[in-house]
Amino acid sequence: LAFDGAGELLTPFRTWRNTNTGDASEQLS
């Protein structure tokens, strides 16, 4: 859940169920 300085949501809530973060997961690990 990402917010700007005014407290506004910047992009729709991405839940734990999403698995489209493979590149980030692999690189960070």
PDB file of all heavy atoms in Angstrom:
ATOM      1  N   LEU A   1       0.867  -1.169   0.000  1.00  0.00           N
ATOM      2  CA  LEU A   1       0.000   0.000   0.000  1.00  0.00           C
ATOM      3  C   LEU A   1       0.908   1.225   0.000  1.00  0.00           C
ATOM      4  O   LEU A   1       1.606   1.499   0.985  1.00  0.00           O
ATOM      5  CB  LEU A   1      -0.906   0.005   1.230  1.00  0.00           C
ATOM      6  CG  LEU A   1      -2.159  -0.869   1.148  1.00  0.00           C
ATOM      7  CD1 LEU A   1      -2.613  -1.300   2.528  1.00  0.00           C
ATOM      8  CD2 LEU A   1      -3.286  -0.116   0.429  1.00  0.00           C
ATOM      9  N   ALA A   2       0.923   1.956  -1.107  1.00  0.00           N
ATOM     10  CA  ALA A   2       1.868   3.054  -1.320  1.00  0.00           C
ATOM     11  C   ALA A   2       1.132   4.394  -1.326  1.00  0.00           C
ATOM     12  O   ALA A   2       0.111   4.548  -2.009  1.00  0.00           O
ATOM     13  CB  ALA A   2       2.598   2.861  -2.646  1.00  0.00           C
ATOM     14  N   PHE A   3       1.677   5.366  -0.585  1.00  0.00           N
ATOM     15  CA  PHE A   3       1.015   6.656  -0.418  1.00  0.00           C
ATOM     16  C   PHE A   3       1.974   7.811  -0.711  1.00  0.00           C
ATOM     17  O   PHE A   3       3.195   7.693  -0.490  1.00  0.00           O
ATOM     18  CB  PHE A   3       0.479   6.798   1.009  1.00  0.00           C
ATOM     19  CG  PHE A   3      -0.552   5.770   1.365  1.00  0.00           C
ATOM     20  CD1 PHE A   3      -0.173   4.558   1.928  1.00  0.00           C
ATOM     21  CD2 PHE A   3      -1.897   5.986   1.112  1.00  0.00           C
ATOM     22  CE1 PHE A   3      -1.110   3.592   2.247  1.00  0.00           C
ATOM     23  CE2 PHE A   3      -2.844   5.030   1.419  1.00  0.00           C
ATOM     24  CZ  PHE A   3      -2.445   3.822   1.988  1.00  0.00           C
ATOM     25  N   ASP A   4       1.402   8.920  -1.158  1.00  0.00           N
ATOM     26  CA  ASP A   4       2.204  10.123  -1.356  1.00  0.00           C
ATOM     27  C   ASP A   4       2.196  10.977  -0.087  1.00  0.00           C
ATOM     28  O   ASP A   4       1.624  10.576   0.940  1.00  0.00           O
ATOM     29  CB  ASP A   4       1.713  10.923  -2.569  1.00  0.00           C
ATOM     30  CG  ASP A   4       0.298  11.489  -2.404  1.00  0.00           C
ATOM     31  OD1 ASP A   4      -0.218  11.524  -1.260  1.00  0.00           O
ATOM     32  OD2 ASP A   4      -0.291  11.898  -3.422  1.00  0.00           O
ATOM     33  N   GLY A   5       2.813  12.132  -0.140  1.00  0.00           N
ATOM     34  CA  GLY A   5       2.923  12.977   1.040  1.00  0.00           C
ATOM     35  C   GLY A   5       1.608  13.502   1.556  1.00  0.00           C
ATOM     36  O   GLY A   5       1.505  13.894   2.723  1.00  0.00           O
ATOM     37  N   ALA A   6       0.586  13.532   0.715  1.00  0.00           N
ATOM     38  CA  ALA A   6      -0.741  13.975   1.138  1.00  0.00           C
ATOM     39  C   ALA A   6      -1.594  12.830   1.650  1.00  0.00           C
ATOM     40  O   ALA A   6      -2.764  13.031   1.992  1.00  0.00           O
ATOM     41  CB  ALA A   6      -1.445  14.669  -0.033  1.00  0.00           C
ATOM     42  N   GLY A   7      -1.020  11.636   1.704  1.00  0.00           N
ATOM     43  CA  GLY A   7      -1.767  10.481   2.203  1.00  0.00           C
ATOM     44  C   GLY A   7      -2.667   9.844   1.172  1.00  0.00           C
ATOM     45  O   GLY A   7      -3.546   9.041   1.519  1.00  0.00           O
ATOM     46  N   GLU A   8      -2.459  10.146  -0.112  1.00  0.00           N
ATOM     47  CA  GLU A   8      -3.279   9.571  -1.176  1.00  0.00           C
ATOM     48  C   GLU A   8      -2.645   8.282  -1.695  1.00  0.00           C
ATOM     49  O   GLU A   8      -1.422   8.214  -1.886  1.00  0.00           O
ATOM     50  CB  GLU A   8      -3.447  10.569  -2.323  1.00  0.00           C
ATOM     51  CG  GLU A   8      -4.213  11.826  -1.948  1.00  0.00           C
ATOM     52  CD  GLU A   8      -5.648  11.540  -1.548  1.00  0.00           C
ATOM     53  OE1 GLU A   8      -6.275  10.678  -2.199  1.00  0.00           O
ATOM     54  OE2 GLU A   8      -6.127  12.164  -0.583  1.00  0.00           O
ATOM     55  N   LEU A   9      -3.493   7.279  -1.941  1.00  0.00           N
ATOM     56  CA  LEU A   9      -3.023   6.008  -2.476  1.00  0.00           C
ATOM     57  C   LEU A   9      -2.516   6.214  -3.899  1.00  0.00           C
ATOM     58  O   LEU A   9      -3.213   6.787  -4.740  1.00  0.00           O
ATOM     59  CB  LEU A   9      -4.163   4.988  -2.462  1.00  0.00           C
ATOM     60  CG  LEU A   9      -3.803   3.549  -2.850  1.00  0.00           C
ATOM     61  CD1 LEU A   9      -2.905   2.918  -1.779  1.00  0.00           C
ATOM     62  CD2 LEU A   9      -5.073   2.714  -3.020  1.00  0.00           C
ATOM     63  N   LEU A  10      -1.300   5.753  -4.173  1.00  0.00           N
ATOM     64  CA  LEU A  10      -0.658   5.994  -5.461  1.00  0.00           C
ATOM     65  C   LEU A  10      -0.973   4.937  -6.510  1.00  0.00           C
ATOM     66  O   LEU A  10      -0.931   5.209  -7.710  1.00  0.00           O
ATOM     67  CB  LEU A  10       0.863   6.074  -5.272  1.00  0.00           C
ATOM     68  CG  LEU A  10       1.370   7.315  -4.539  1.00  0.00           C
ATOM     69  CD1 LEU A  10       2.834   7.138  -4.158  1.00  0.00           C
ATOM     70  CD2 LEU A  10       1.185   8.548  -5.401  1.00  0.00           C
ATOM     71  N   THR A  11      -1.253   3.709  -6.056  1.00  0.00           N
ATOM     72  CA  THR A  11      -1.528   2.592  -6.966  1.00  0.00           C
ATOM     73  C   THR A  11      -2.418   1.614  -6.213  1.00  0.00           C
ATOM     74  O   THR A  11      -2.349   1.550  -4.984  1.00  0.00           O
ATOM     75  CB  THR A  11      -0.210   1.927  -7.424  1.00  0.00           C
ATOM     76  OG1 THR A  11      -0.474   0.981  -8.462  1.00  0.00           O
ATOM     77  CG2 THR A  11       0.521   1.254  -6.286  1.00  0.00           C
ATOM     78  N   PRO A  12      -3.294   0.885  -6.876  1.00  0.00           N
ATOM     79  CA  PRO A  12      -4.181  -0.031  -6.149  1.00  0.00           C
ATOM     80  C   PRO A  12      -3.409  -0.988  -5.246  1.00  0.00           C
ATOM     81  O   PRO A  12      -2.303  -1.429  -5.570  1.00  0.00           O
ATOM     82  CB  PRO A  12      -4.905  -0.774  -7.273  1.00  0.00           C
ATOM     83  CG  PRO A  12      -4.932   0.201  -8.405  1.00  0.00           C
ATOM     84  CD  PRO A  12      -3.612   0.921  -8.323  1.00  0.00           C
ATOM     85  N   PHE A  13      -3.996  -1.275  -4.091  1.00  0.00           N
ATOM     86  CA  PHE A  13      -3.426  -2.205  -3.113  1.00  0.00           C
ATOM     87  C   PHE A  13      -3.055  -3.510  -3.788  1.00  0.00           C
ATOM     88  O   PHE A  13      -3.873  -4.136  -4.455  1.00  0.00           O
ATOM     89  CB  PHE A  13      -4.477  -2.417  -2.014  1.00  0.00           C
ATOM     90  CG  PHE A  13      -4.137  -3.476  -0.989  1.00  0.00           C
ATOM     91  CD1 PHE A  13      -2.831  -3.763  -0.620  1.00  0.00           C
ATOM     92  CD2 PHE A  13      -5.161  -4.170  -0.361  1.00  0.00           C
ATOM     93  CE1 PHE A  13      -2.544  -4.727   0.333  1.00  0.00           C
ATOM     94  CE2 PHE A  13      -4.889  -5.138   0.605  1.00  0.00           C
ATOM     95  CZ  PHE A  13      -3.572  -5.419   0.938  1.00  0.00           C
ATOM     96  N   ARG A  14      -1.806  -3.937  -3.611  1.00  0.00           N
ATOM     97  CA  ARG A  14      -1.334  -5.214  -4.147  1.00  0.00           C
ATOM     98  C   ARG A  14      -1.211  -6.180  -2.972  1.00  0.00           C
ATOM     99  O   ARG A  14      -0.398  -5.973  -2.075  1.00  0.00           O
ATOM    100  CB  ARG A  14       0.019  -5.023  -4.857  1.00  0.00           C
ATOM    101  CG  ARG A  14      -0.102  -4.043  -6.009  1.00  0.00           C
ATOM    102  CD  ARG A  14       1.230  -3.590  -6.581  1.00  0.00           C
ATOM    103  NE  ARG A  14       0.998  -2.517  -7.544  1.00  0.00           N
ATOM    104  CZ  ARG A  14       1.948  -1.927  -8.266  1.00  0.00           C
ATOM    105  NH1 ARG A  14       3.207  -2.320  -8.126  1.00  0.00           N
ATOM    106  NH2 ARG A  14       1.642  -0.954  -9.101  1.00  0.00           N
ATOM    107  N   THR A  15      -2.013  -7.224  -2.976  1.00  0.00           N
ATOM    108  CA  THR A  15      -2.064  -8.118  -1.827  1.00  0.00           C
ATOM    109  C   THR A  15      -0.940  -9.152  -1.875  1.00  0.00           C
ATOM    110  O   THR A  15      -0.228  -9.289  -2.870  1.00  0.00           O
ATOM    111  CB  THR A  15      -3.409  -8.869  -1.757  1.00  0.00           C
ATOM    112  OG1 THR A  15      -3.388  -9.952  -2.702  1.00  0.00           O
ATOM    113  CG2 THR A  15      -4.583  -7.947  -2.061  1.00  0.00           C
ATOM    114  N   TRP A  16      -0.823  -9.902  -0.782  1.00  0.00           N
ATOM    115  CA  TRP A  16       0.154 -10.988  -0.674  1.00  0.00           C
ATOM    116  C   TRP A  16       0.007 -12.035  -1.773  1.00  0.00           C
ATOM    117  O   TRP A  16       0.943 -12.755  -2.086  1.00  0.00           O
ATOM    118  CB  TRP A  16      -0.010 -11.696   0.682  1.00  0.00           C
ATOM    119  CG  TRP A  16      -1.376 -12.327   0.832  1.00  0.00           C
ATOM    120  CD1 TRP A  16      -2.493 -11.739   1.352  1.00  0.00           C
ATOM    121  CD2 TRP A  16      -1.773 -13.637   0.425  1.00  0.00           C
ATOM    122  NE1 TRP A  16      -3.567 -12.605   1.302  1.00  0.00           N
ATOM    123  CE2 TRP A  16      -3.154 -13.776   0.738  1.00  0.00           C
ATOM    124  CE3 TRP A  16      -1.107 -14.711  -0.153  1.00  0.00           C
ATOM    125  CZ2 TRP A  16      -3.861 -14.949   0.486  1.00  0.00           C
ATOM    126  CZ3 TRP A  16      -1.822 -15.879  -0.416  1.00  0.00           C
ATOM    127  CH2 TRP A  16      -3.187 -15.982  -0.083  1.00  0.00           C
ATOM    128  N   ARG A  17      -1.187 -12.097  -2.376  1.00  0.00           N
ATOM    129  CA  ARG A  17      -1.480 -13.174  -3.308  1.00  0.00           C
ATOM    130  C   ARG A  17      -0.796 -12.983  -4.660  1.00  0.00           C
ATOM    131  O   ARG A  17      -0.695 -13.910  -5.455  1.00  0.00           O
ATOM    132  CB  ARG A  17      -2.997 -13.263  -3.490  1.00  0.00           C
ATOM    133  CG  ARG A  17      -3.484 -14.583  -4.031  1.00  0.00           C
ATOM    134  CD  ARG A  17      -4.998 -14.662  -4.014  1.00  0.00           C
ATOM    135  NE  ARG A  17      -5.458 -15.968  -4.445  1.00  0.00           N
ATOM    136  CZ  ARG A  17      -6.730 -16.320  -4.558  1.00  0.00           C
ATOM    137  NH1 ARG A  17      -7.686 -15.435  -4.260  1.00  0.00           N
ATOM    138  NH2 ARG A  17      -7.073 -17.527  -4.950  1.00  0.00           N
ATOM    139  N   ASN A  18      -0.302 -11.787  -4.921  1.00  0.00           N
ATOM    140  CA  ASN A  18       0.322 -11.514  -6.217  1.00  0.00           C
ATOM    141  C   ASN A  18       1.725 -12.112  -6.275  1.00  0.00           C
ATOM    142  O   ASN A  18       2.508 -11.993  -5.337  1.00  0.00           O
ATOM    143  CB  ASN A  18       0.386 -10.002  -6.450  1.00  0.00           C
ATOM    144  CG  ASN A  18      -0.988  -9.404  -6.657  1.00  0.00           C
ATOM    145  OD1 ASN A  18      -1.602  -9.605  -7.695  1.00  0.00           O
ATOM    146  ND2 ASN A  18      -1.483  -8.688  -5.659  1.00  0.00           N
ATOM    147  N   THR A  19       2.023 -12.743  -7.393  1.00  0.00           N
ATOM    148  CA  THR A  19       3.331 -13.379  -7.576  1.00  0.00           C
ATOM    149  C   THR A  19       4.048 -12.820  -8.804  1.00  0.00           C
ATOM    150  O   THR A  19       4.873 -13.502  -9.416  1.00  0.00           O
ATOM    151  CB  THR A  19       3.165 -14.905  -7.714  1.00  0.00           C
ATOM    152  OG1 THR A  19       2.254 -15.195  -8.783  1.00  0.00           O
ATOM    153  CG2 THR A  19       2.642 -15.516  -6.430  1.00  0.00           C
ATOM    154  N   ASN A  20       3.738 -11.560  -9.147  1.00  0.00           N
ATOM    155  CA  ASN A  20       4.338 -10.924 -10.326  1.00  0.00           C
ATOM    156  C   ASN A  20       5.589 -10.135  -9.965  1.00  0.00           C
ATOM    157  O   ASN A  20       5.956  -9.182 -10.655  1.00  0.00           O
ATOM    158  CB  ASN A  20       3.313 -10.028 -11.021  1.00  0.00           C
ATOM    159  CG  ASN A  20       2.725  -8.984 -10.087  1.00  0.00           C
ATOM    160  OD1 ASN A  20       2.998  -8.975  -8.888  1.00  0.00           O
ATOM    161  ND2 ASN A  20       1.907  -8.091 -10.635  1.00  0.00           N
ATOM    162  N   THR A  21       6.243 -10.517  -8.866  1.00  0.00           N
ATOM    163  CA  THR A  21       7.427  -9.807  -8.384  1.00  0.00           C
ATOM    164  C   THR A  21       8.670 -10.703  -8.488  1.00  0.00           C
ATOM    165  O   THR A  21       9.603 -10.560  -7.693  1.00  0.00           O
ATOM    166  CB  THR A  21       7.223  -9.368  -6.926  1.00  0.00           C
ATOM    167  OG1 THR A  21       6.915 -10.539  -6.137  1.00  0.00           O
ATOM    168  CG2 THR A  21       6.084  -8.374  -6.795  1.00  0.00           C
ATOM    169  N   GLY A  22       8.669 -11.600  -9.439  1.00  0.00           N
ATOM    170  CA  GLY A  22       9.728 -12.600  -9.520  1.00  0.00           C
ATOM    171  C   GLY A  22      11.119 -12.011  -9.687  1.00  0.00           C
ATOM    172  O   GLY A  22      12.073 -12.461  -9.032  1.00  0.00           O
ATOM    173  N   ASP A  23      11.262 -11.014 -10.560  1.00  0.00           N
ATOM    174  CA  ASP A  23      12.586 -10.425 -10.773  1.00  0.00           C
ATOM    175  C   ASP A  23      13.102  -9.782  -9.489  1.00  0.00           C
ATOM    176  O   ASP A  23      14.275  -9.952  -9.120  1.00  0.00           O
ATOM    177  CB  ASP A  23      12.533  -9.388 -11.892  1.00  0.00           C
ATOM    178  CG  ASP A  23      12.310 -10.004 -13.267  1.00  0.00           C
ATOM    179  OD1 ASP A  23      12.522 -11.229 -13.410  1.00  0.00           O
ATOM    180  OD2 ASP A  23      11.906  -9.272 -14.187  1.00  0.00           O
ATOM    181  N   ALA A  24      12.241  -9.029  -8.811  1.00  0.00           N
ATOM    182  CA  ALA A  24      12.653  -8.361  -7.573  1.00  0.00           C
ATOM    183  C   ALA A  24      12.990  -9.375  -6.495  1.00  0.00           C
ATOM    184  O   ALA A  24      13.996  -9.250  -5.792  1.00  0.00           O
ATOM    185  CB  ALA A  24      11.540  -7.428  -7.096  1.00  0.00           C
ATOM    186  N   SER A  25      12.148 -10.382  -6.361  1.00  0.00           N
ATOM    187  CA  SER A  25      12.374 -11.416  -5.354  1.00  0.00           C
ATOM    188  C   SER A  25      13.710 -12.110  -5.570  1.00  0.00           C
ATOM    189  O   SER A  25      14.499 -12.293  -4.631  1.00  0.00           O
ATOM    190  CB  SER A  25      11.228 -12.434  -5.397  1.00  0.00           C
ATOM    191  OG  SER A  25      11.495 -13.537  -4.565  1.00  0.00           O
ATOM    192  N   GLU A  26      13.991 -12.475  -6.819  1.00  0.00           N
ATOM    193  CA  GLU A  26      15.226 -13.200  -7.137  1.00  0.00           C
ATOM    194  C   GLU A  26      16.455 -12.323  -6.897  1.00  0.00           C
ATOM    195  O   GLU A  26      17.446 -12.756  -6.285  1.00  0.00           O
ATOM    196  CB  GLU A  26      15.181 -13.664  -8.586  1.00  0.00           C
ATOM    197  CG  GLU A  26      16.384 -14.485  -9.007  1.00  0.00           C
ATOM    198  CD  GLU A  26      16.257 -15.001 -10.434  1.00  0.00           C
ATOM    199  OE1 GLU A  26      15.122 -15.070 -10.943  1.00  0.00           O
ATOM    200  OE2 GLU A  26      17.300 -15.321 -11.033  1.00  0.00           O
ATOM    201  N   GLN A  27      16.397 -11.070  -7.354  1.00  0.00           N
ATOM    202  CA  GLN A  27      17.551 -10.189  -7.203  1.00  0.00           C
ATOM    203  C   GLN A  27      17.827  -9.851  -5.744  1.00  0.00           C
ATOM    204  O   GLN A  27      18.980  -9.899  -5.286  1.00  0.00           O
ATOM    205  CB  GLN A  27      17.329  -8.905  -8.003  1.00  0.00           C
ATOM    206  CG  GLN A  27      17.367  -9.092  -9.500  1.00  0.00           C
ATOM    207  CD  GLN A  27      17.206  -7.785 -10.253  1.00  0.00           C
ATOM    208  OE1 GLN A  27      17.655  -6.728  -9.803  1.00  0.00           O
ATOM    209  NE2 GLN A  27      16.556  -7.846 -11.417  1.00  0.00           N
ATOM    210  N   LEU A  28      16.792  -9.513  -5.003  1.00  0.00           N
ATOM    211  CA  LEU A  28      16.986  -9.145  -3.602  1.00  0.00           C
ATOM    212  C   LEU A  28      17.473 -10.333  -2.776  1.00  0.00           C
ATOM    213  O   LEU A  28      18.335 -10.181  -1.905  1.00  0.00           O
ATOM    214  CB  LEU A  28      15.692  -8.580  -3.017  1.00  0.00           C
ATOM    215  CG  LEU A  28      15.245  -7.216  -3.552  1.00  0.00           C
ATOM    216  CD1 LEU A  28      13.892  -6.834  -2.958  1.00  0.00           C
ATOM    217  CD2 LEU A  28      16.281  -6.137  -3.248  1.00  0.00           C
ATOM    218  N   SER A  29      16.926 -11.507  -3.040  1.00  0.00           N
ATOM    219  CA  SER A  29      17.353 -12.694  -2.302  1.00  0.00           C
ATOM    220  C   SER A  29      18.836 -12.959  -2.520  1.00  0.00           C
ATOM    221  O   SER A  29      19.574 -13.294  -1.578  1.00  0.00           O
ATOM    222  CB  SER A  29      16.524 -13.917  -2.721  1.00  0.00           C
ATOM    223  OG  SER A  29      15.164 -13.762  -2.377  1.00  0.00           O
TER     224      SER A  29
END
